[in-house]
C-alpha cells in the first residue's frame, strides 16, 4: 500500500467515527424529556388538593389530583427552563376539573434533591377565567 492510500483510509475511518459519535450524541439529546433528577413519583399539595406527579422516560407522565377533584392529566416534556426547571404541556385529561387545564402548562423547579415547586396554568388568556395553581411536591419517603 502506498502512503496516499493509507492517508485516505485513515481520513475515511476518522470521518466515519466522527459521524458515529455525532449521531450517538444527537440521539441521546433527541429525547430531552425526563432526566434522572426529575424521573419518578412526587406527591404533595396543590391548592389544598393532594396531587401525585409521575414522570417517566417511557410511557405516559401524569399529574393526578386526588379527591375532591379526582382527575388525571397527561403531560409531555417541552423544554428545560431556567433555575433547574422543566416545562411540560398538558396533553390529555380524564375530565372534570382537569379539562380546565387541558392544553395548558406544567412548570417544575427543583428545590433541593427531593422537592419540586410546581405550577399548573390553563391555556385561557382571559384573566378572569385563567387558572394558575401552585404547590410543592416531594419524593415519597423523603
N, C-alpha and C. Protein backbone atom coordinates (compact mmCIF):
# COMPACT_ATOMS: atom_id res chain seq x y z
N UNK A 1 0.85 -1.19 0.00
CA UNK A 1 0.00 0.00 0.00
C UNK A 1 0.89 1.24 0.00
N UNK A 2 0.48 2.23 -0.73
CA UNK A 2 1.28 3.44 -0.75
C UNK A 2 0.81 4.40 0.35
N UNK A 3 1.61 5.40 0.60
CA UNK A 3 1.35 6.37 1.66
C UNK A 3 0.04 7.11 1.44
N UNK A 4 -0.28 7.44 0.18
CA UNK A 4 -1.51 8.16 -0.16
C UNK A 4 -2.74 7.33 0.21
N UNK A 5 -2.72 6.05 -0.04
CA UNK A 5 -3.83 5.15 0.25
C UNK A 5 -4.06 5.04 1.76
N UNK A 6 -3.01 4.97 2.52
CA UNK A 6 -3.13 4.89 3.99
C UNK A 6 -3.75 6.18 4.53
N UNK A 7 -3.34 7.32 4.03
CA UNK A 7 -3.90 8.60 4.46
C UNK A 7 -5.39 8.67 4.14
N UNK A 8 -5.76 8.25 2.92
CA UNK A 8 -7.18 8.27 2.54
C UNK A 8 -8.01 7.36 3.45
N UNK A 9 -7.50 6.17 3.73
CA UNK A 9 -8.22 5.25 4.60
C UNK A 9 -8.33 5.79 6.03
N UNK A 10 -7.27 6.39 6.51
CA UNK A 10 -7.28 6.97 7.86
C UNK A 10 -8.31 8.08 7.94
N UNK A 11 -8.36 8.94 6.94
CA UNK A 11 -9.33 10.04 6.91
C UNK A 11 -10.74 9.47 6.86
N UNK A 12 -10.95 8.43 6.05
CA UNK A 12 -12.28 7.81 5.95
C UNK A 12 -12.71 7.22 7.29
N UNK A 13 -11.82 6.51 7.97
CA UNK A 13 -12.14 5.90 9.26
C UNK A 13 -12.42 6.97 10.31
N UNK A 14 -11.59 7.99 10.38
CA UNK A 14 -11.79 9.07 11.35
C UNK A 14 -13.12 9.79 11.07
N UNK A 15 -13.42 10.03 9.80
CA UNK A 15 -14.69 10.68 9.44
C UNK A 15 -15.87 9.82 9.85
N UNK A 16 -15.77 8.52 9.58
CA UNK A 16 -16.84 7.59 9.95
C UNK A 16 -17.05 7.60 11.47
N UNK A 17 -15.95 7.54 12.23
CA UNK A 17 -16.06 7.56 13.70
C UNK A 17 -16.65 8.88 14.19
N UNK A 18 -16.28 9.98 13.56
CA UNK A 18 -16.84 11.29 13.94
C UNK A 18 -18.34 11.33 13.71
N UNK A 19 -18.78 10.74 12.59
CA UNK A 19 -20.21 10.69 12.29
C UNK A 19 -20.93 9.83 13.32
N UNK A 20 -20.37 8.68 13.68
CA UNK A 20 -20.98 7.80 14.68
C UNK A 20 -21.11 8.53 16.02
N UNK A 21 -20.06 9.22 16.43
CA UNK A 21 -20.09 9.97 17.70
C UNK A 21 -21.15 11.07 17.63
N UNK A 22 -21.22 11.78 16.52
CA UNK A 22 -22.20 12.87 16.37
C UNK A 22 -23.62 12.33 16.41
N UNK A 23 -23.88 11.23 15.70
CA UNK A 23 -25.22 10.65 15.67
C UNK A 23 -25.60 10.12 17.05
N UNK A 24 -24.67 9.49 17.74
CA UNK A 24 -24.94 8.98 19.08
C UNK A 24 -25.25 10.12 20.04
N UNK A 25 -24.50 11.19 19.97
CA UNK A 25 -24.75 12.35 20.84
C UNK A 25 -26.08 12.98 20.51
N UNK A 26 -26.38 13.10 19.23
CA UNK A 26 -27.66 13.67 18.82
C UNK A 26 -28.80 12.79 19.28
N UNK A 27 -28.64 11.48 19.14
CA UNK A 27 -29.68 10.54 19.55
C UNK A 27 -29.98 10.64 21.02
N UNK A 28 -28.97 10.80 21.85
CA UNK A 28 -29.22 10.89 23.28
C UNK A 28 -29.84 12.23 23.64
N UNK A 29 -29.63 13.25 22.81
CA UNK A 29 -30.22 14.56 23.08
C UNK A 29 -31.60 14.72 22.49
N UNK A 30 -31.99 13.82 21.59
CA UNK A 30 -33.30 13.93 20.98
C UNK A 30 -34.40 13.75 22.00
N UNK A 31 -34.18 12.87 22.94
CA UNK A 31 -35.18 12.71 23.99
C UNK A 31 -34.69 13.49 25.18
N UNK A 32 -35.02 14.77 25.19
CA UNK A 32 -34.60 15.63 26.29
C UNK A 32 -35.71 15.70 27.31
N UNK A 33 -36.41 14.63 27.49
CA UNK A 33 -37.55 14.59 28.40
C UNK A 33 -37.09 14.52 29.84
N UNK A 34 -37.62 13.59 30.54
CA UNK A 34 -37.38 13.44 31.96
C UNK A 34 -35.95 13.00 32.18
N UNK A 35 -35.20 13.71 33.00
CA UNK A 35 -33.88 13.22 33.35
C UNK A 35 -33.98 12.53 34.71
N UNK A 36 -32.89 11.92 35.11
CA UNK A 36 -32.92 11.12 36.35
C UNK A 36 -33.26 11.94 37.58
N UNK A 37 -32.95 13.24 37.59
CA UNK A 37 -33.27 14.09 38.74
C UNK A 37 -34.77 14.30 38.89
N UNK A 38 -35.51 14.25 37.80
CA UNK A 38 -36.95 14.51 37.84
C UNK A 38 -37.77 13.23 37.75
N UNK A 39 -37.20 12.19 37.18
CA UNK A 39 -37.94 10.95 36.96
C UNK A 39 -38.42 10.35 38.28
N UNK A 40 -39.62 9.78 38.24
CA UNK A 40 -40.16 9.09 39.41
C UNK A 40 -41.46 9.71 39.88
N UNK A 41 -41.82 9.37 41.10
CA UNK A 41 -43.09 9.80 41.68
C UNK A 41 -42.87 10.91 42.70
N UNK A 42 -43.73 11.91 42.65
CA UNK A 42 -43.69 13.07 43.54
C UNK A 42 -45.10 13.28 44.09
N UNK A 43 -45.23 13.55 45.38
CA UNK A 43 -46.54 13.76 45.99
C UNK A 43 -46.51 15.02 46.83
N UNK A 44 -47.65 15.72 46.87
CA UNK A 44 -47.74 16.92 47.69
C UNK A 44 -49.11 17.54 47.60
N UNK A 45 -49.15 18.84 47.88
CA UNK A 45 -50.40 19.57 47.86
C UNK A 45 -50.34 20.69 46.84
N UNK A 46 -51.40 20.79 46.05
CA UNK A 46 -51.54 21.85 45.07
C UNK A 46 -52.91 22.47 45.31
N UNK A 47 -52.92 23.74 45.74
CA UNK A 47 -54.17 24.43 46.07
C UNK A 47 -55.09 23.58 46.94
N UNK A 48 -54.56 23.09 48.04
CA UNK A 48 -55.30 22.31 49.04
C UNK A 48 -55.80 20.96 48.53
N UNK A 49 -55.34 20.49 47.40
CA UNK A 49 -55.68 19.16 46.91
C UNK A 49 -54.42 18.31 46.90
N UNK A 50 -54.54 17.07 47.35
CA UNK A 50 -53.41 16.16 47.28
C UNK A 50 -53.20 15.79 45.81
N UNK A 51 -51.93 15.80 45.39
CA UNK A 51 -51.62 15.53 43.99
C UNK A 51 -50.38 14.64 43.90
N UNK A 52 -50.32 13.83 42.85
CA UNK A 52 -49.17 12.98 42.59
C UNK A 52 -48.73 13.20 41.15
N UNK A 53 -47.44 13.45 41.00
CA UNK A 53 -46.84 13.62 39.68
C UNK A 53 -45.94 12.42 39.43
N UNK A 54 -46.13 11.74 38.31
CA UNK A 54 -45.29 10.61 37.94
C UNK A 54 -44.64 10.91 36.60
N UNK A 55 -43.32 11.09 36.62
CA UNK A 55 -42.57 11.41 35.41
C UNK A 55 -41.80 10.19 34.96
N UNK A 56 -41.97 9.82 33.68
CA UNK A 56 -41.32 8.64 33.13
C UNK A 56 -40.63 8.97 31.82
N UNK A 57 -39.53 8.26 31.53
CA UNK A 57 -38.88 8.43 30.24
C UNK A 57 -39.64 7.68 29.16
N UNK A 58 -40.20 6.53 29.50
CA UNK A 58 -41.02 5.81 28.54
C UNK A 58 -42.41 5.66 29.13
N UNK A 59 -43.40 5.72 28.31
CA UNK A 59 -44.77 5.69 28.81
C UNK A 59 -45.26 7.09 29.09
N UNK A 60 -46.45 7.18 29.64
CA UNK A 60 -47.05 8.49 29.88
C UNK A 60 -46.65 9.05 31.25
N UNK A 61 -46.32 10.33 31.26
CA UNK A 61 -46.11 11.03 32.52
C UNK A 61 -47.45 11.66 32.91
N UNK A 62 -47.81 11.56 34.19
CA UNK A 62 -49.14 12.00 34.62
C UNK A 62 -49.09 12.87 35.87
N UNK A 63 -50.10 13.72 35.99
CA UNK A 63 -50.33 14.54 37.17
C UNK A 63 -51.74 14.17 37.65
N UNK A 64 -51.84 13.59 38.85
CA UNK A 64 -53.11 13.08 39.36
C UNK A 64 -53.58 13.91 40.55
N UNK A 65 -54.80 14.45 40.44
CA UNK A 65 -55.45 15.10 41.57
C UNK A 65 -56.28 14.05 42.31
N UNK A 66 -56.12 13.98 43.62
CA UNK A 66 -56.94 13.09 44.45
C UNK A 66 -58.28 13.79 44.73
N UNK A 67 -59.13 13.19 45.59
CA UNK A 67 -60.42 13.81 45.97
C UNK A 67 -60.19 15.20 46.52
N UNK A 68 -61.02 16.14 46.27
CA UNK A 68 -62.33 16.03 45.64
C UNK A 68 -62.28 16.15 44.10
N UNK A 69 -61.14 16.50 43.52
CA UNK A 69 -61.08 16.71 42.06
C UNK A 69 -61.08 15.40 41.28
N UNK A 70 -60.37 14.43 41.75
CA UNK A 70 -60.35 13.08 41.18
C UNK A 70 -60.22 13.05 39.67
N UNK A 71 -59.10 13.55 39.15
CA UNK A 71 -58.87 13.51 37.71
C UNK A 71 -57.38 13.42 37.44
N UNK A 72 -57.05 13.06 36.19
CA UNK A 72 -55.66 12.83 35.81
C UNK A 72 -55.33 13.62 34.54
N UNK A 73 -54.17 14.26 34.54
CA UNK A 73 -53.64 14.96 33.37
C UNK A 73 -52.44 14.19 32.83
N UNK A 74 -52.33 14.09 31.52
CA UNK A 74 -51.13 13.54 30.91
C UNK A 74 -50.28 14.73 30.48
N UNK A 75 -48.98 14.68 30.82
CA UNK A 75 -48.08 15.79 30.49
C UNK A 75 -46.95 15.30 29.59
N UNK A 76 -46.50 16.21 28.73
CA UNK A 76 -45.44 15.90 27.77
C UNK A 76 -44.34 16.94 27.89
N UNK A 77 -43.09 16.48 27.98
CA UNK A 77 -41.94 17.37 28.12
C UNK A 77 -41.89 18.36 26.95
N UNK A 78 -41.68 19.64 27.29
CA UNK A 78 -41.50 20.68 26.27
C UNK A 78 -40.06 21.16 26.20
N UNK A 79 -39.52 21.59 27.35
CA UNK A 79 -38.17 22.17 27.33
C UNK A 79 -37.61 22.29 28.74
N UNK A 80 -36.30 22.44 28.79
CA UNK A 80 -35.64 22.78 30.04
C UNK A 80 -35.87 24.26 30.29
N UNK A 81 -36.02 24.63 31.54
CA UNK A 81 -36.24 26.03 31.89
C UNK A 81 -35.10 26.50 32.81
N UNK A 82 -35.10 27.78 33.09
CA UNK A 82 -34.07 28.35 33.96
C UNK A 82 -34.18 27.79 35.37
N UNK A 83 -33.10 27.94 36.12
CA UNK A 83 -33.06 27.57 37.54
C UNK A 83 -33.45 26.12 37.79
N UNK A 84 -32.87 25.21 36.99
CA UNK A 84 -33.11 23.78 37.16
C UNK A 84 -34.59 23.44 37.05
N UNK A 85 -35.23 23.98 36.05
CA UNK A 85 -36.66 23.76 35.85
C UNK A 85 -36.97 23.01 34.58
N UNK A 86 -38.22 22.61 34.46
CA UNK A 86 -38.72 21.91 33.28
C UNK A 86 -40.10 22.45 32.95
N UNK A 87 -40.44 22.44 31.67
CA UNK A 87 -41.77 22.86 31.20
C UNK A 87 -42.42 21.67 30.49
N UNK A 88 -43.68 21.46 30.79
CA UNK A 88 -44.45 20.37 30.18
C UNK A 88 -45.75 20.94 29.62
N UNK A 89 -46.22 20.35 28.53
CA UNK A 89 -47.55 20.69 28.02
C UNK A 89 -48.53 19.67 28.60
N UNK A 90 -49.75 20.12 28.81
CA UNK A 90 -50.80 19.24 29.31
C UNK A 90 -51.58 18.76 28.09
N UNK A 91 -51.45 17.47 27.79
CA UNK A 91 -51.94 16.95 26.51
C UNK A 91 -53.25 16.17 26.60
N UNK A 92 -53.55 15.59 27.76
CA UNK A 92 -54.77 14.79 27.92
C UNK A 92 -55.36 15.02 29.31
N UNK A 93 -56.67 14.79 29.41
CA UNK A 93 -57.39 14.94 30.67
C UNK A 93 -58.43 13.83 30.78
N UNK A 94 -58.68 13.40 32.03
CA UNK A 94 -59.74 12.41 32.23
C UNK A 94 -61.08 13.07 32.53
N UNK A 95 -61.15 14.38 32.44
CA UNK A 95 -62.42 15.09 32.62
C UNK A 95 -62.48 15.89 33.91
N UNK A 96 -63.66 16.43 34.18
CA UNK A 96 -63.87 17.22 35.39
C UNK A 96 -62.99 18.45 35.44
N UNK A 97 -62.48 18.75 36.63
CA UNK A 97 -61.63 19.93 36.82
C UNK A 97 -60.44 19.92 35.86
N UNK A 98 -59.88 18.76 35.59
CA UNK A 98 -58.69 18.67 34.73
C UNK A 98 -58.92 19.22 33.32
N UNK A 99 -60.16 19.15 32.83
CA UNK A 99 -60.45 19.71 31.50
C UNK A 99 -60.14 21.20 31.43
N UNK A 100 -60.25 21.90 32.55
CA UNK A 100 -59.95 23.34 32.57
C UNK A 100 -58.48 23.63 32.34
N UNK A 101 -57.63 22.63 32.60
CA UNK A 101 -56.18 22.80 32.44
C UNK A 101 -55.67 22.23 31.12
N UNK A 102 -56.52 21.52 30.39
CA UNK A 102 -56.12 20.87 29.14
C UNK A 102 -55.49 21.88 28.17
N UNK A 103 -54.38 21.49 27.58
CA UNK A 103 -53.57 22.29 26.65
C UNK A 103 -52.80 23.42 27.34
N UNK A 104 -52.85 23.45 28.66
CA UNK A 104 -52.08 24.42 29.42
C UNK A 104 -50.65 23.93 29.65
N UNK A 105 -50.03 24.44 30.70
CA UNK A 105 -48.63 24.14 31.01
C UNK A 105 -48.45 23.68 32.45
N UNK A 106 -47.45 22.83 32.64
CA UNK A 106 -46.97 22.45 33.96
C UNK A 106 -45.53 22.90 34.03
N UNK A 107 -45.21 23.73 35.01
CA UNK A 107 -43.85 24.21 35.21
C UNK A 107 -43.32 23.61 36.51
N UNK A 108 -42.11 23.09 36.46
CA UNK A 108 -41.47 22.49 37.63
C UNK A 108 -40.13 23.15 37.88
N UNK A 109 -39.81 23.34 39.16
CA UNK A 109 -38.49 23.82 39.55
C UNK A 109 -38.00 22.97 40.70
N UNK A 110 -36.80 22.44 40.54
CA UNK A 110 -36.19 21.58 41.56
C UNK A 110 -35.78 22.43 42.74
N UNK A 111 -36.16 21.99 43.94
CA UNK A 111 -35.81 22.67 45.19
C UNK A 111 -35.08 21.66 46.06
N UNK A 112 -33.77 21.54 45.88
CA UNK A 112 -33.03 20.51 46.59
C UNK A 112 -33.21 19.17 45.89
N UNK A 113 -32.75 18.11 46.55
CA UNK A 113 -32.80 16.78 45.93
C UNK A 113 -34.19 16.17 45.89
N UNK A 114 -35.05 16.52 46.85
CA UNK A 114 -36.30 15.79 46.98
C UNK A 114 -37.55 16.65 46.96
N UNK A 115 -37.46 17.89 46.47
CA UNK A 115 -38.63 18.76 46.40
C UNK A 115 -38.74 19.46 45.05
N UNK A 116 -39.97 19.63 44.61
CA UNK A 116 -40.25 20.36 43.38
C UNK A 116 -41.33 21.38 43.66
N UNK A 117 -41.15 22.59 43.18
CA UNK A 117 -42.28 23.52 43.17
C UNK A 117 -42.94 23.31 41.81
N UNK A 118 -44.26 23.38 41.81
CA UNK A 118 -44.97 23.18 40.55
C UNK A 118 -46.03 24.25 40.37
N UNK A 119 -46.31 24.54 39.12
CA UNK A 119 -47.38 25.47 38.77
C UNK A 119 -48.08 24.94 37.53
N UNK A 120 -49.39 24.80 37.64
CA UNK A 120 -50.23 24.40 36.51
C UNK A 120 -50.97 25.64 36.05
N UNK A 121 -50.93 25.92 34.76
CA UNK A 121 -51.57 27.11 34.22
C UNK A 121 -52.44 26.72 33.04
N UNK A 122 -53.66 27.21 33.02
CA UNK A 122 -54.57 26.91 31.91
C UNK A 122 -54.17 27.68 30.66
N UNK A 123 -54.70 27.24 29.55
CA UNK A 123 -54.42 27.88 28.27
C UNK A 123 -55.14 29.21 28.14
N UNK A 124 -56.30 29.34 28.77
CA UNK A 124 -57.15 30.53 28.66
C UNK A 124 -56.40 31.79 29.06
N UNK A 125 -56.32 32.76 28.15
CA UNK A 125 -55.61 34.01 28.43
C UNK A 125 -56.48 35.07 29.08
N UNK A 126 -57.78 34.81 29.17
CA UNK A 126 -58.67 35.79 29.80
C UNK A 126 -58.43 35.77 31.30
N UNK A 127 -58.01 36.88 31.86
CA UNK A 127 -57.58 36.93 33.25
C UNK A 127 -58.64 36.45 34.24
N UNK A 128 -59.91 36.68 33.98
CA UNK A 128 -60.93 36.29 34.94
C UNK A 128 -61.16 34.77 34.96
N UNK A 129 -60.83 34.07 33.89
CA UNK A 129 -61.06 32.63 33.85
C UNK A 129 -59.76 31.82 33.82
N UNK A 130 -58.63 32.46 33.76
CA UNK A 130 -57.35 31.75 33.73
C UNK A 130 -57.11 31.07 35.07
N UNK A 131 -56.67 29.83 35.03
CA UNK A 131 -56.38 29.07 36.25
C UNK A 131 -54.87 28.98 36.41
N UNK A 132 -54.40 29.24 37.61
CA UNK A 132 -53.00 29.06 37.94
C UNK A 132 -52.94 28.46 39.34
N UNK A 133 -52.42 27.24 39.42
CA UNK A 133 -52.34 26.54 40.70
C UNK A 133 -50.89 26.25 41.03
N UNK A 134 -50.53 26.51 42.28
CA UNK A 134 -49.15 26.30 42.71
C UNK A 134 -49.11 25.34 43.89
N UNK A 135 -48.00 24.64 43.99
CA UNK A 135 -47.82 23.73 45.12
C UNK A 135 -46.40 23.21 45.21
N UNK A 136 -46.18 22.39 46.24
CA UNK A 136 -44.88 21.75 46.46
C UNK A 136 -45.08 20.24 46.45
N UNK A 137 -44.17 19.55 45.78
CA UNK A 137 -44.20 18.09 45.71
C UNK A 137 -42.89 17.55 46.25
N UNK A 138 -42.98 16.38 46.88
CA UNK A 138 -41.80 15.72 47.42
C UNK A 138 -41.78 14.26 46.99
N UNK A 139 -40.59 13.70 46.95
CA UNK A 139 -40.49 12.26 46.68
C UNK A 139 -41.03 11.52 47.90
N UNK A 140 -41.89 10.53 47.72
CA UNK A 140 -42.42 9.78 48.87
C UNK A 140 -41.29 9.16 49.68
N UNK A 141 -41.45 9.21 50.99
CA UNK A 141 -40.47 8.63 51.90
C UNK A 141 -39.22 9.47 52.11
N UNK A 142 -39.20 10.68 51.57
CA UNK A 142 -38.00 11.53 51.73
C UNK A 142 -38.31 12.75 52.55
